[in-house]
Amino acid sequence: MKKEQLKRKIQKIKEQGRERKQKIKKLVVQRKDDFLTALEKNWRDAALKPLTTFLWNRNITANKIGWFSVFLLATAIFMHIIGYSFPTQFFLLVIVALIDGLDGPLARNHNNVTIHGTWLDHLRDGALVAWATYLIYAFNLLSLQTIIILWSLQAVLIWITAKDFLIRYIQKLSAEEEEVLLTKFTLDNLQASVIGRIQFFCWTVSYGFLIGSLLAPIPYAQLIGQVLISLAIIFSALNILEAYQKSI
């Protein structure tokens, strides 16, 4: 009798887990992505499908490679602190950036999008760009004024995106209301629009050119990096305008 009860309990837990995944999947599908954002996601997911299938079949999930990239970033920072060779540090940072383009398709291609993974992705990206900013400042590759403008715009964008969520989250909500709020914010507001993706692309690629110029004599690498930084600033402003219009 006890065995039967235990089996029923296990079955119920599994059913609840499936229902939860279905709810998350519906929220992802029902997101009001603009056409270009959806097109970009679908194209990237399809292009990386063979690789994501290979990883998934070996029980490598998006969250696992996400945490692996966090470990690589921490390793690169530690290497810098102890004075390890810069090329090795740069190589690790490049791997972290490549994983950033892979974990999303891996999660979406296998219906494995989670709140945990989405937050991990954004926090990892923020830490990566913050550390790259420090390196660029330390090697005098960008002026302090430009760096302040970049991060000030990012701070404004984060506030506009998160203020309503934060105000509601600190209120006394029931556990169910809190979960719904967190899920909706994570799978809706935290998903970047096409403008946000272009902004982040310009920002990270510009950093790649700037830092890469320290390692290889690439013609006009610093100039290309500075042009892309200017574009990142422009798209940051457009991203803020878009986020503000959505919040009204």
Protein backbone atom coordinates (compact mmCIF):
# COMPACT_ATOMS: atom_id res chain seq x y z
CA MET A 1 0.00 0.00 0.00
CA LYS A 2 2.79 2.39 0.93
CA LYS A 3 4.56 1.60 -2.33
CA GLU A 4 1.40 2.46 -4.28
CA GLN A 5 1.06 5.77 -2.42
CA LEU A 6 4.71 6.57 -3.10
CA LYS A 7 4.25 5.79 -6.79
CA ARG A 8 1.20 8.07 -6.96
CA LYS A 9 3.12 10.88 -5.27
CA ILE A 10 6.02 10.50 -7.70
CA GLN A 11 3.62 10.46 -10.64
CA LYS A 12 1.92 13.62 -9.37
CA ILE A 13 5.26 15.42 -9.00
CA LYS A 14 6.20 14.44 -12.57
CA GLU A 15 2.85 15.69 -13.88
CA GLN A 16 3.27 19.00 -12.06
CA GLY A 17 6.75 19.32 -13.59
CA ARG A 18 5.35 18.73 -17.09
CA GLU A 19 2.58 21.26 -16.50
CA ARG A 20 5.13 23.84 -15.33
CA LYS A 21 7.26 23.31 -18.44
CA GLN A 22 4.18 23.68 -20.64
CA LYS A 23 3.25 26.97 -18.95
CA ILE A 24 6.77 28.32 -19.51
CA LYS A 25 6.69 27.12 -23.12
CA LYS A 26 3.37 28.90 -23.71
CA LEU A 27 4.75 32.12 -22.22
CA VAL A 28 7.74 31.92 -24.55
CA VAL A 29 5.54 31.25 -27.59
CA GLN A 30 3.06 33.99 -26.66
CA ARG A 31 5.74 36.67 -26.21
CA LYS A 32 5.09 39.67 -28.44
CA ASP A 33 8.36 39.51 -30.32
CA ASP A 34 8.64 41.89 -33.22
CA PHE A 35 9.09 40.26 -36.61
CA LEU A 36 12.85 40.87 -36.94
CA THR A 37 13.58 39.55 -33.43
CA ALA A 38 11.64 36.35 -34.13
CA LEU A 39 13.32 36.01 -37.53
CA GLU A 40 16.80 36.39 -36.00
CA LYS A 41 16.04 33.84 -33.28
CA ASN A 42 14.58 31.31 -35.74
CA TRP A 43 17.53 31.71 -38.11
CA ARG A 44 20.11 31.28 -35.33
CA ASP A 45 18.23 28.34 -33.79
CA ALA A 46 18.05 26.57 -37.17
CA ALA A 47 21.70 27.28 -38.02
CA LEU A 48 22.90 25.85 -34.70
CA LYS A 49 20.42 22.94 -34.59
CA PRO A 50 23.02 20.23 -35.45
CA LEU A 51 25.37 21.45 -32.70
CA THR A 52 22.61 21.90 -30.11
CA THR A 53 21.25 18.42 -30.92
CA PHE A 54 24.75 16.95 -30.48
CA LEU A 55 25.10 18.64 -27.07
CA TRP A 56 21.57 17.74 -25.93
CA ASN A 57 22.05 14.07 -26.80
CA ARG A 58 25.06 14.09 -24.47
CA ASN A 59 23.01 15.56 -21.62
CA ILE A 60 24.61 19.01 -21.98
CA THR A 61 21.93 21.61 -21.28
CA ALA A 62 21.95 25.40 -21.71
CA ASN A 63 22.26 25.88 -17.96
CA LYS A 64 25.29 23.59 -17.81
CA ILE A 65 27.23 25.43 -20.51
CA GLY A 66 26.05 28.71 -18.95
CA TRP A 67 27.66 27.80 -15.62
CA PHE A 68 30.73 26.52 -17.48
CA SER A 69 31.10 29.95 -19.12
CA VAL A 70 30.83 31.61 -15.68
CA PHE A 71 33.67 29.36 -14.52
CA LEU A 72 35.78 30.35 -17.56
CA LEU A 73 35.12 34.05 -16.91
CA ALA A 74 36.12 33.67 -13.26
CA THR A 75 39.26 31.82 -14.39
CA ALA A 76 40.19 34.63 -16.80
CA ILE A 77 39.77 37.22 -14.03
CA PHE A 78 41.88 35.14 -11.65
CA MET A 79 44.57 34.80 -14.33
CA HIS A 80 44.69 38.58 -14.70
CA ILE A 81 45.04 39.03 -10.94
CA ILE A 82 48.00 36.64 -10.70
CA GLY A 83 49.66 38.09 -13.81
CA TYR A 84 49.06 35.17 -16.21
CA SER A 85 49.67 35.69 -19.94
CA PHE A 86 47.08 37.99 -21.54
CA PRO A 87 46.54 35.91 -24.73
CA THR A 88 45.24 33.02 -22.61
CA GLN A 89 42.88 35.37 -20.76
CA PHE A 90 41.61 36.75 -24.06
CA PHE A 91 41.09 33.22 -25.44
CA LEU A 92 38.89 32.33 -22.45
CA LEU A 93 36.85 35.53 -22.86
CA VAL A 94 36.26 34.68 -26.54
CA ILE A 95 34.95 31.23 -25.54
CA VAL A 96 32.58 32.86 -23.01
CA ALA A 97 31.29 35.19 -25.74
CA LEU A 98 30.75 32.24 -28.14
CA ILE A 99 28.83 30.31 -25.46
CA ASP A 100 26.57 33.36 -25.11
CA GLY A 101 25.45 32.82 -28.70
CA LEU A 102 24.90 29.11 -28.17
CA ASP A 103 23.02 28.69 -24.88
CA GLY A 104 19.85 30.42 -26.14
CA PRO A 105 19.39 28.18 -29.22
CA LEU A 106 20.26 25.11 -27.11
CA ALA A 107 17.46 25.98 -24.67
CA ARG A 108 14.88 26.93 -27.32
CA ASN A 109 15.57 24.02 -29.68
CA HIS A 110 14.82 21.55 -26.88
CA ASN A 111 12.02 23.38 -25.02
CA ASN A 112 14.34 23.90 -22.07
CA VAL A 113 13.96 27.65 -21.50
CA THR A 114 14.02 28.30 -17.74
CA ILE A 115 13.89 31.29 -15.42
CA HIS A 116 17.19 30.20 -13.91
CA GLY A 117 18.86 30.02 -17.32
CA THR A 118 17.55 33.39 -18.47
CA TRP A 119 18.82 35.19 -15.36
CA LEU A 120 22.13 33.33 -15.57
CA ASP A 121 22.53 34.42 -19.18
CA HIS A 122 21.95 38.11 -18.40
CA LEU A 123 24.11 38.19 -15.28
CA ARG A 124 26.94 36.38 -17.09
CA ASP A 125 26.72 38.81 -20.02
CA GLY A 126 26.78 41.78 -17.67
CA ALA A 127 29.82 40.43 -15.84
CA LEU A 128 31.63 39.70 -19.13
CA VAL A 129 31.07 43.20 -20.51
CA ALA A 130 31.95 44.80 -17.16
CA TRP A 131 35.25 42.90 -17.00
CA ALA A 132 36.04 43.69 -20.66
CA THR A 133 35.33 47.36 -19.86
CA TYR A 134 37.85 47.24 -17.03
CA LEU A 135 40.50 45.75 -19.36
CA ILE A 136 39.82 48.37 -22.01
CA TYR A 137 40.13 51.15 -19.43
CA ALA A 138 43.27 49.58 -17.92
CA PHE A 139 44.97 49.44 -21.34
CA ASN A 140 43.75 52.97 -22.23
CA LEU A 141 41.82 51.81 -25.32
CA LEU A 142 38.79 54.06 -24.69
CA SER A 143 38.40 57.38 -22.93
CA LEU A 144 36.80 57.42 -19.50
CA GLN A 145 34.09 59.77 -20.82
CA THR A 146 33.03 57.24 -23.47
CA ILE A 147 32.92 54.44 -20.90
CA ILE A 148 30.79 56.58 -18.56
CA ILE A 149 28.36 57.38 -21.39
CA LEU A 150 28.05 53.67 -22.30
CA TRP A 151 27.34 52.50 -18.77
CA SER A 152 25.10 55.46 -17.91
CA LEU A 153 22.85 54.59 -20.86
CA GLN A 154 22.85 50.95 -19.77
CA ALA A 155 21.89 51.95 -16.21
CA VAL A 156 18.95 54.00 -17.54
CA LEU A 157 17.83 51.07 -19.70
CA ILE A 158 17.98 48.64 -16.76
CA TRP A 159 15.95 51.02 -14.59
CA ILE A 160 13.24 51.54 -17.22
CA THR A 161 13.02 47.79 -17.86
CA ALA A 162 13.03 46.67 -14.22
CA LYS A 163 11.41 49.49 -12.19
CA ASP A 164 7.81 48.24 -12.40
CA PHE A 165 8.91 44.69 -11.63
CA LEU A 166 11.01 45.79 -8.64
CA ILE A 167 8.23 47.99 -7.23
CA ARG A 168 5.75 45.10 -7.38
CA TYR A 169 8.27 42.49 -6.21
CA ILE A 170 9.02 44.28 -2.93
CA GLN A 171 5.31 44.42 -2.12
CA LYS A 172 3.74 41.66 -0.07
CA LEU A 173 2.64 39.14 -2.68
CA SER A 174 1.53 35.57 -2.24
CA ALA A 175 3.96 32.86 -3.33
CA GLU A 176 1.83 32.16 -6.41
CA GLU A 177 1.60 35.85 -7.41
CA GLU A 178 5.34 36.27 -6.90
CA GLU A 179 6.08 33.27 -9.13
CA VAL A 180 3.79 34.56 -11.88
CA LEU A 181 5.38 38.04 -11.68
CA LEU A 182 8.91 36.63 -11.79
CA THR A 183 8.09 34.26 -14.67
CA LYS A 184 6.39 36.94 -16.77
CA PHE A 185 9.17 39.48 -16.22
CA THR A 186 11.90 36.93 -16.95
CA LEU A 187 10.36 35.50 -20.12
CA ASP A 188 9.06 38.81 -21.42
CA ASN A 189 10.90 41.94 -20.29
CA LEU A 190 14.33 40.30 -20.11
CA GLN A 191 14.12 39.10 -23.73
CA ALA A 192 16.06 41.56 -25.90
CA SER A 193 14.46 43.19 -28.92
CA VAL A 194 16.27 43.36 -32.25
CA ILE A 195 17.57 46.83 -31.33
CA GLY A 196 18.87 45.48 -28.04
CA ARG A 197 20.59 42.61 -29.84
CA ILE A 198 22.26 44.97 -32.31
CA GLN A 199 23.35 47.20 -29.42
CA PHE A 200 24.92 44.28 -27.55
CA PHE A 201 26.49 42.93 -30.75
CA CYS A 202 28.15 46.29 -31.52
CA TRP A 203 29.29 46.61 -27.92
CA THR A 204 30.88 43.15 -27.63
CA VAL A 205 32.40 43.10 -31.13
CA SER A 206 33.90 46.55 -30.59
CA TYR A 207 35.50 45.28 -27.39
CA GLY A 208 36.80 42.29 -29.33
CA PHE A 209 38.53 44.54 -31.87
CA LEU A 210 39.91 46.87 -29.20
CA ILE A 211 41.32 44.12 -26.99
CA GLY A 212 42.39 42.09 -30.02
CA SER A 213 44.51 45.02 -31.19
CA LEU A 214 46.76 44.35 -28.18
CA LEU A 215 47.50 40.83 -29.42
CA ALA A 216 47.73 41.12 -33.20
CA PRO A 217 48.64 43.96 -35.58
CA ILE A 218 45.20 44.08 -37.21
CA PRO A 219 44.98 47.13 -39.52
CA TYR A 220 42.55 49.75 -38.22
CA ALA A 221 41.38 47.42 -35.39
CA GLN A 222 41.14 50.24 -32.86
CA LEU A 223 39.37 52.50 -35.37
CA ILE A 224 36.82 49.76 -36.15
CA GLY A 225 36.31 49.22 -32.43
CA GLN A 226 35.71 52.93 -31.82
CA VAL A 227 33.22 53.15 -34.72
CA LEU A 228 31.31 50.16 -33.32
CA ILE A 229 31.31 51.77 -29.88
CA SER A 230 29.70 54.86 -31.41
CA LEU A 231 27.05 52.62 -32.98
CA ALA A 232 26.53 50.87 -29.63
CA ILE A 233 25.86 54.27 -28.02
CA ILE A 234 23.34 55.16 -30.76
CA PHE A 235 21.52 51.84 -30.45
CA SER A 236 21.57 52.15 -26.64
CA ALA A 237 19.67 55.42 -26.97
CA LEU A 238 17.19 53.80 -29.40
CA ASN A 239 16.82 50.84 -27.02
CA ILE A 240 16.03 53.22 -24.14
CA LEU A 241 13.39 54.97 -26.27
CA GLU A 242 11.82 51.63 -27.22
CA ALA A 243 11.82 50.42 -23.59
CA TYR A 244 10.28 53.71 -22.43
CA GLN A 245 7.48 53.51 -25.01
CA LYS A 246 6.69 49.95 -23.89
CA SER A 247 6.58 51.01 -20.23
CA ILE A 248 4.02 53.78 -20.81
